[in-house]
Amino acid sequence: MKNRLGNNYAYNVPQAFYKLKRGKKVELDEDEYTLGSIVFTAGMWKEGNTIRGYEQDQALFMDYARAELLISPHNAQAVIKSHLVEIEKIRVKYRNSAAHKDPIDVIGARECLDYMCIPKK
């Protein structure tokens, strides 16, 4: 991304990809990007409403989704919304609460993996 956008590329990417460090925007490390960050990357809540202050991020993400992610870009908003609903289900039910206080157990991890790998018909 640095090659494409130059040295100040952090100022041109969605807010969910950077943090402020000593007053400057710096890119998040991979382990700092969480399931909870995804709605901010998309710039919209799972209900499909734009997140206030993330209008530019939503436009950037939707352009990317239409160009690179979706087979049928004409219904991008609905497709992204359905994915955000599924991501929220996984985040709420299976996220590793160890970051908060509890470790995830093997049964919960297997249930999460099974849920995410169920083929859609």
Foldseek 3Di string as FASTA:
>chain_A
DCVVCPPLCLVVAQPLQWDADPNHTDGDDPVVRDLVSVCSQCQHALVLHGDPPSPVSNVVVLVCCLVPPDPDSPPSSVVVSVVNVVSVVCCVQQDACVVPPDGGDPVSVVVSVCSVPDDDD
